[in-house]
N, C-alpha and C. Protein backbone atom coordinates (compact mmCIF):
# COMPACT_ATOMS: atom_id res chain seq x y z
N MET A 1 18.48 54.08 -33.56
CA MET A 1 17.70 54.19 -32.35
C MET A 1 16.84 52.93 -32.15
N ARG A 2 16.16 52.51 -33.22
CA ARG A 2 15.32 51.32 -33.12
C ARG A 2 16.15 50.09 -32.71
N ARG A 3 17.34 50.02 -33.29
CA ARG A 3 18.21 48.89 -32.97
C ARG A 3 18.57 48.91 -31.48
N TRP A 4 18.87 50.08 -30.94
CA TRP A 4 19.23 50.21 -29.54
C TRP A 4 18.05 49.82 -28.65
N ILE A 5 16.84 50.28 -29.01
CA ILE A 5 15.63 49.93 -28.24
C ILE A 5 15.39 48.43 -28.31
N GLY A 6 15.60 47.86 -29.49
CA GLY A 6 15.43 46.43 -29.64
C GLY A 6 16.41 45.65 -28.79
N GLU A 7 17.66 46.10 -28.75
CA GLU A 7 18.68 45.44 -27.93
C GLU A 7 18.32 45.53 -26.45
N CYS A 8 17.87 46.71 -26.02
CA CYS A 8 17.49 46.89 -24.61
C CYS A 8 16.32 45.97 -24.26
N GLY A 9 15.36 45.88 -25.17
CA GLY A 9 14.21 45.01 -24.93
C GLY A 9 14.63 43.56 -24.83
N ARG A 10 15.54 43.13 -25.67
CA ARG A 10 16.02 41.75 -25.62
C ARG A 10 16.77 41.48 -24.33
N GLN A 11 17.57 42.47 -23.91
CA GLN A 11 18.35 42.27 -22.70
C GLN A 11 17.44 42.18 -21.47
N THR A 12 16.43 43.02 -21.42
CA THR A 12 15.53 42.95 -20.26
C THR A 12 14.74 41.65 -20.29
N LEU A 13 14.32 41.22 -21.48
CA LEU A 13 13.62 39.95 -21.59
C LEU A 13 14.54 38.81 -21.17
N ARG A 14 15.77 38.87 -21.64
CA ARG A 14 16.74 37.85 -21.27
C ARG A 14 16.99 37.86 -19.77
N ALA A 15 17.09 39.04 -19.19
CA ALA A 15 17.31 39.17 -17.75
C ALA A 15 16.13 38.61 -16.97
N ARG A 16 14.91 38.91 -17.45
CA ARG A 16 13.73 38.37 -16.78
C ARG A 16 13.70 36.85 -16.82
N LEU A 17 14.01 36.30 -18.00
CA LEU A 17 14.01 34.84 -18.12
C LEU A 17 15.08 34.21 -17.23
N ILE A 18 16.23 34.84 -17.15
CA ILE A 18 17.30 34.33 -16.28
C ILE A 18 16.84 34.37 -14.82
N ARG A 19 16.23 35.48 -14.42
CA ARG A 19 15.75 35.59 -13.04
C ARG A 19 14.68 34.53 -12.75
N LYS A 20 13.75 34.35 -13.69
CA LYS A 20 12.71 33.33 -13.49
C LYS A 20 13.33 31.95 -13.43
N GLY A 21 14.32 31.72 -14.27
CA GLY A 21 15.01 30.43 -14.25
C GLY A 21 15.69 30.18 -12.92
N LEU A 22 16.28 31.23 -12.34
CA LEU A 22 16.93 31.08 -11.05
C LEU A 22 15.91 30.80 -9.95
N VAL A 23 14.76 31.47 -10.03
CA VAL A 23 13.70 31.24 -9.05
C VAL A 23 13.20 29.81 -9.15
N VAL A 24 12.97 29.35 -10.36
CA VAL A 24 12.50 27.98 -10.57
C VAL A 24 13.55 26.99 -10.08
N GLU A 25 14.80 27.25 -10.37
CA GLU A 25 15.88 26.37 -9.93
C GLU A 25 15.95 26.33 -8.40
N HIS A 26 15.77 27.48 -7.77
CA HIS A 26 15.79 27.54 -6.30
C HIS A 26 14.63 26.73 -5.72
N ARG A 27 13.45 26.89 -6.29
CA ARG A 27 12.28 26.14 -5.82
C ARG A 27 12.47 24.64 -6.04
N LEU A 28 13.06 24.27 -7.16
CA LEU A 28 13.30 22.86 -7.45
C LEU A 28 14.29 22.26 -6.44
N ARG A 29 15.34 23.01 -6.13
CA ARG A 29 16.29 22.51 -5.14
C ARG A 29 15.65 22.37 -3.76
N ALA A 30 14.81 23.32 -3.39
CA ALA A 30 14.12 23.24 -2.10
C ALA A 30 13.20 22.01 -2.08
N TRP A 31 12.50 21.76 -3.17
CA TRP A 31 11.62 20.60 -3.27
C TRP A 31 12.43 19.31 -3.18
N GLN A 32 13.58 19.26 -3.86
CA GLN A 32 14.44 18.07 -3.79
C GLN A 32 14.94 17.84 -2.37
N ASP A 33 15.28 18.90 -1.67
CA ASP A 33 15.74 18.75 -0.29
C ASP A 33 14.63 18.19 0.60
N ARG A 34 13.40 18.66 0.40
CA ARG A 34 12.28 18.13 1.19
C ARG A 34 12.04 16.66 0.89
N VAL A 35 12.11 16.27 -0.38
CA VAL A 35 11.90 14.87 -0.76
C VAL A 35 13.00 14.00 -0.16
N ARG A 36 14.25 14.46 -0.23
CA ARG A 36 15.35 13.68 0.35
C ARG A 36 15.18 13.53 1.85
N ALA A 37 14.77 14.60 2.53
CA ALA A 37 14.57 14.52 3.98
C ALA A 37 13.45 13.53 4.32
N SER A 38 12.38 13.54 3.53
CA SER A 38 11.28 12.59 3.76
C SER A 38 11.74 11.17 3.54
N ALA A 39 12.52 10.96 2.49
CA ALA A 39 13.02 9.61 2.19
C ALA A 39 13.93 9.12 3.32
N ARG A 40 14.78 10.01 3.82
CA ARG A 40 15.66 9.63 4.93
C ARG A 40 14.84 9.25 6.16
N GLY A 41 13.81 10.03 6.45
CA GLY A 41 12.95 9.73 7.60
C GLY A 41 12.24 8.40 7.45
N LEU A 42 11.73 8.13 6.26
CA LEU A 42 11.06 6.85 6.03
C LEU A 42 12.03 5.68 6.15
N ALA A 43 13.25 5.86 5.67
CA ALA A 43 14.24 4.80 5.76
C ALA A 43 14.58 4.51 7.22
N ILE A 44 14.69 5.55 8.03
CA ILE A 44 14.99 5.35 9.46
C ILE A 44 13.85 4.61 10.14
N VAL A 45 12.62 4.99 9.83
CA VAL A 45 11.46 4.31 10.44
C VAL A 45 11.41 2.86 9.99
N ALA A 46 11.68 2.60 8.72
CA ALA A 46 11.63 1.23 8.22
C ALA A 46 12.70 0.37 8.87
N ARG A 47 13.89 0.93 9.09
CA ARG A 47 14.96 0.15 9.72
C ARG A 47 14.68 -0.11 11.19
N SER A 48 14.06 0.84 11.87
CA SER A 48 13.87 0.71 13.31
C SER A 48 12.66 -0.16 13.66
N ARG A 49 11.74 -0.33 12.74
CA ARG A 49 10.53 -1.09 13.01
C ARG A 49 10.85 -2.58 13.07
N SER A 50 10.33 -3.25 14.09
CA SER A 50 10.58 -4.70 14.20
C SER A 50 9.72 -5.43 13.17
N GLU A 51 10.08 -6.66 12.92
CA GLU A 51 9.33 -7.46 11.94
C GLU A 51 8.01 -7.89 12.58
N ALA A 52 6.95 -7.27 12.14
CA ALA A 52 5.65 -7.54 12.74
C ALA A 52 4.82 -8.52 11.91
N GLY A 53 5.11 -8.65 10.63
CA GLY A 53 4.29 -9.48 9.76
C GLY A 53 4.98 -10.79 9.40
N MET A 54 4.30 -11.53 8.55
CA MET A 54 4.86 -12.80 8.10
C MET A 54 5.62 -12.60 6.80
N SER A 55 6.62 -13.42 6.59
CA SER A 55 7.34 -13.41 5.33
C SER A 55 6.60 -14.29 4.33
N THR A 56 7.09 -14.36 3.12
CA THR A 56 6.42 -15.13 2.08
C THR A 56 6.36 -16.61 2.44
N ALA A 57 7.43 -17.16 2.98
CA ALA A 57 7.44 -18.58 3.35
C ALA A 57 6.42 -18.84 4.46
N GLU A 58 6.32 -17.93 5.41
CA GLU A 58 5.34 -18.10 6.49
C GLU A 58 3.91 -18.02 5.96
N TYR A 59 3.68 -17.15 4.97
CA TYR A 59 2.36 -17.10 4.33
C TYR A 59 2.04 -18.43 3.66
N ALA A 60 3.01 -19.01 2.99
CA ALA A 60 2.79 -20.29 2.30
C ALA A 60 2.44 -21.38 3.29
N VAL A 61 3.20 -21.48 4.39
CA VAL A 61 2.93 -22.51 5.40
C VAL A 61 1.57 -22.27 6.05
N GLY A 62 1.25 -21.01 6.34
CA GLY A 62 -0.04 -20.68 6.93
C GLY A 62 -1.20 -21.02 6.00
N THR A 63 -1.02 -20.75 4.72
CA THR A 63 -2.07 -21.08 3.74
C THR A 63 -2.28 -22.58 3.64
N ILE A 64 -1.18 -23.34 3.62
CA ILE A 64 -1.29 -24.80 3.54
C ILE A 64 -1.98 -25.34 4.80
N ALA A 65 -1.62 -24.80 5.97
CA ALA A 65 -2.26 -25.25 7.21
C ALA A 65 -3.75 -24.93 7.20
N ALA A 66 -4.13 -23.75 6.72
CA ALA A 66 -5.54 -23.38 6.66
C ALA A 66 -6.31 -24.29 5.71
N CYS A 67 -5.70 -24.63 4.58
CA CYS A 67 -6.36 -25.54 3.63
C CYS A 67 -6.51 -26.94 4.22
N ALA A 68 -5.49 -27.40 4.93
CA ALA A 68 -5.57 -28.72 5.56
C ALA A 68 -6.67 -28.74 6.61
N PHE A 69 -6.79 -27.67 7.40
CA PHE A 69 -7.83 -27.59 8.43
C PHE A 69 -9.21 -27.55 7.78
N ALA A 70 -9.35 -26.82 6.69
CA ALA A 70 -10.64 -26.77 5.99
C ALA A 70 -11.01 -28.15 5.43
N GLY A 71 -10.01 -28.86 4.88
CA GLY A 71 -10.27 -30.21 4.38
C GLY A 71 -10.69 -31.16 5.48
N LEU A 72 -10.04 -31.05 6.64
CA LEU A 72 -10.40 -31.89 7.78
C LEU A 72 -11.81 -31.60 8.26
N LEU A 73 -12.17 -30.31 8.35
CA LEU A 73 -13.54 -29.95 8.75
C LEU A 73 -14.57 -30.48 7.75
N PHE A 74 -14.26 -30.35 6.47
CA PHE A 74 -15.19 -30.85 5.45
C PHE A 74 -15.38 -32.36 5.59
N LYS A 75 -14.28 -33.07 5.82
CA LYS A 75 -14.35 -34.53 5.97
C LYS A 75 -15.18 -34.90 7.19
N ILE A 76 -15.00 -34.17 8.30
CA ILE A 76 -15.75 -34.47 9.52
C ILE A 76 -17.23 -34.18 9.32
N VAL A 77 -17.54 -33.02 8.76
CA VAL A 77 -18.95 -32.64 8.60
C VAL A 77 -19.66 -33.53 7.59
N SER A 78 -18.94 -34.00 6.58
CA SER A 78 -19.60 -34.84 5.56
C SER A 78 -19.60 -36.32 5.93
N SER A 79 -19.11 -36.68 7.10
CA SER A 79 -19.14 -38.09 7.52
C SER A 79 -20.58 -38.48 7.89
N PRO A 80 -20.91 -39.77 7.76
CA PRO A 80 -22.31 -40.20 8.04
C PRO A 80 -22.74 -39.94 9.49
N GLU A 81 -21.84 -40.11 10.45
CA GLU A 81 -22.22 -39.90 11.85
C GLU A 81 -22.61 -38.44 12.12
N VAL A 82 -21.82 -37.54 11.61
CA VAL A 82 -22.09 -36.12 11.85
C VAL A 82 -23.34 -35.69 11.09
N ARG A 83 -23.52 -36.21 9.88
CA ARG A 83 -24.74 -35.89 9.12
C ARG A 83 -25.98 -36.35 9.88
N LYS A 84 -25.92 -37.55 10.49
CA LYS A 84 -27.07 -38.06 11.24
C LYS A 84 -27.33 -37.18 12.46
N MET A 85 -26.25 -36.77 13.16
CA MET A 85 -26.42 -35.89 14.32
C MET A 85 -27.05 -34.56 13.91
N LEU A 86 -26.58 -33.98 12.82
CA LEU A 86 -27.13 -32.70 12.36
C LEU A 86 -28.59 -32.83 11.94
N SER A 87 -28.92 -33.90 11.24
CA SER A 87 -30.32 -34.09 10.82
C SER A 87 -31.22 -34.33 12.02
N ASP A 88 -30.72 -35.04 13.07
CA ASP A 88 -31.51 -35.23 14.29
C ASP A 88 -31.77 -33.90 14.99
N ILE A 89 -30.73 -33.05 15.07
CA ILE A 89 -30.89 -31.74 15.72
C ILE A 89 -31.91 -30.90 14.95
N ILE A 90 -31.83 -30.91 13.62
CA ILE A 90 -32.76 -30.12 12.81
C ILE A 90 -34.19 -30.65 12.95
N SER A 91 -34.36 -31.98 12.95
CA SER A 91 -35.71 -32.54 13.07
C SER A 91 -36.30 -32.25 14.45
N ARG A 92 -35.48 -32.30 15.51
CA ARG A 92 -35.97 -31.96 16.86
C ARG A 92 -36.40 -30.48 16.91
N ALA A 93 -35.61 -29.62 16.29
CA ALA A 93 -35.94 -28.20 16.29
C ALA A 93 -37.25 -27.96 15.55
N LEU A 94 -37.48 -28.67 14.44
CA LEU A 94 -38.71 -28.49 13.68
C LEU A 94 -39.92 -29.04 14.44
N LYS A 95 -39.72 -30.14 15.20
CA LYS A 95 -40.82 -30.68 15.99
C LYS A 95 -41.23 -29.73 17.11
N LEU A 96 -40.20 -29.07 17.73
CA LEU A 96 -40.51 -28.13 18.79
C LEU A 96 -41.20 -26.88 18.25
N ALA A 97 -40.83 -26.47 17.05
CA ALA A 97 -41.41 -25.26 16.47
C ALA A 97 -42.82 -25.53 15.97
N GLY A 98 -43.09 -26.78 15.67
CA GLY A 98 -44.31 -26.99 15.23
C GLY A 98 -45.36 -27.62 14.69
């Protein structure tokens, strides 16, 4: 009798685990389907979007141009003529203030 009860208990436990495994498997498949659908949607959006930004080469050229412009501004501002003009403007402002 004990053996029969033990077998029945094992079978119900086994049946429960199988059912839970099927539920988990079903949920996992549903989750995978949602992820695949999201990935497909993102791929479609990425393909349809026009190129709005710069590529790496364009970033490099833009950076070099910005550095060249900064160097030119530094050279102009540090020239003696511009320094004299700036110091004259500052001295006039200080005389007016006081």
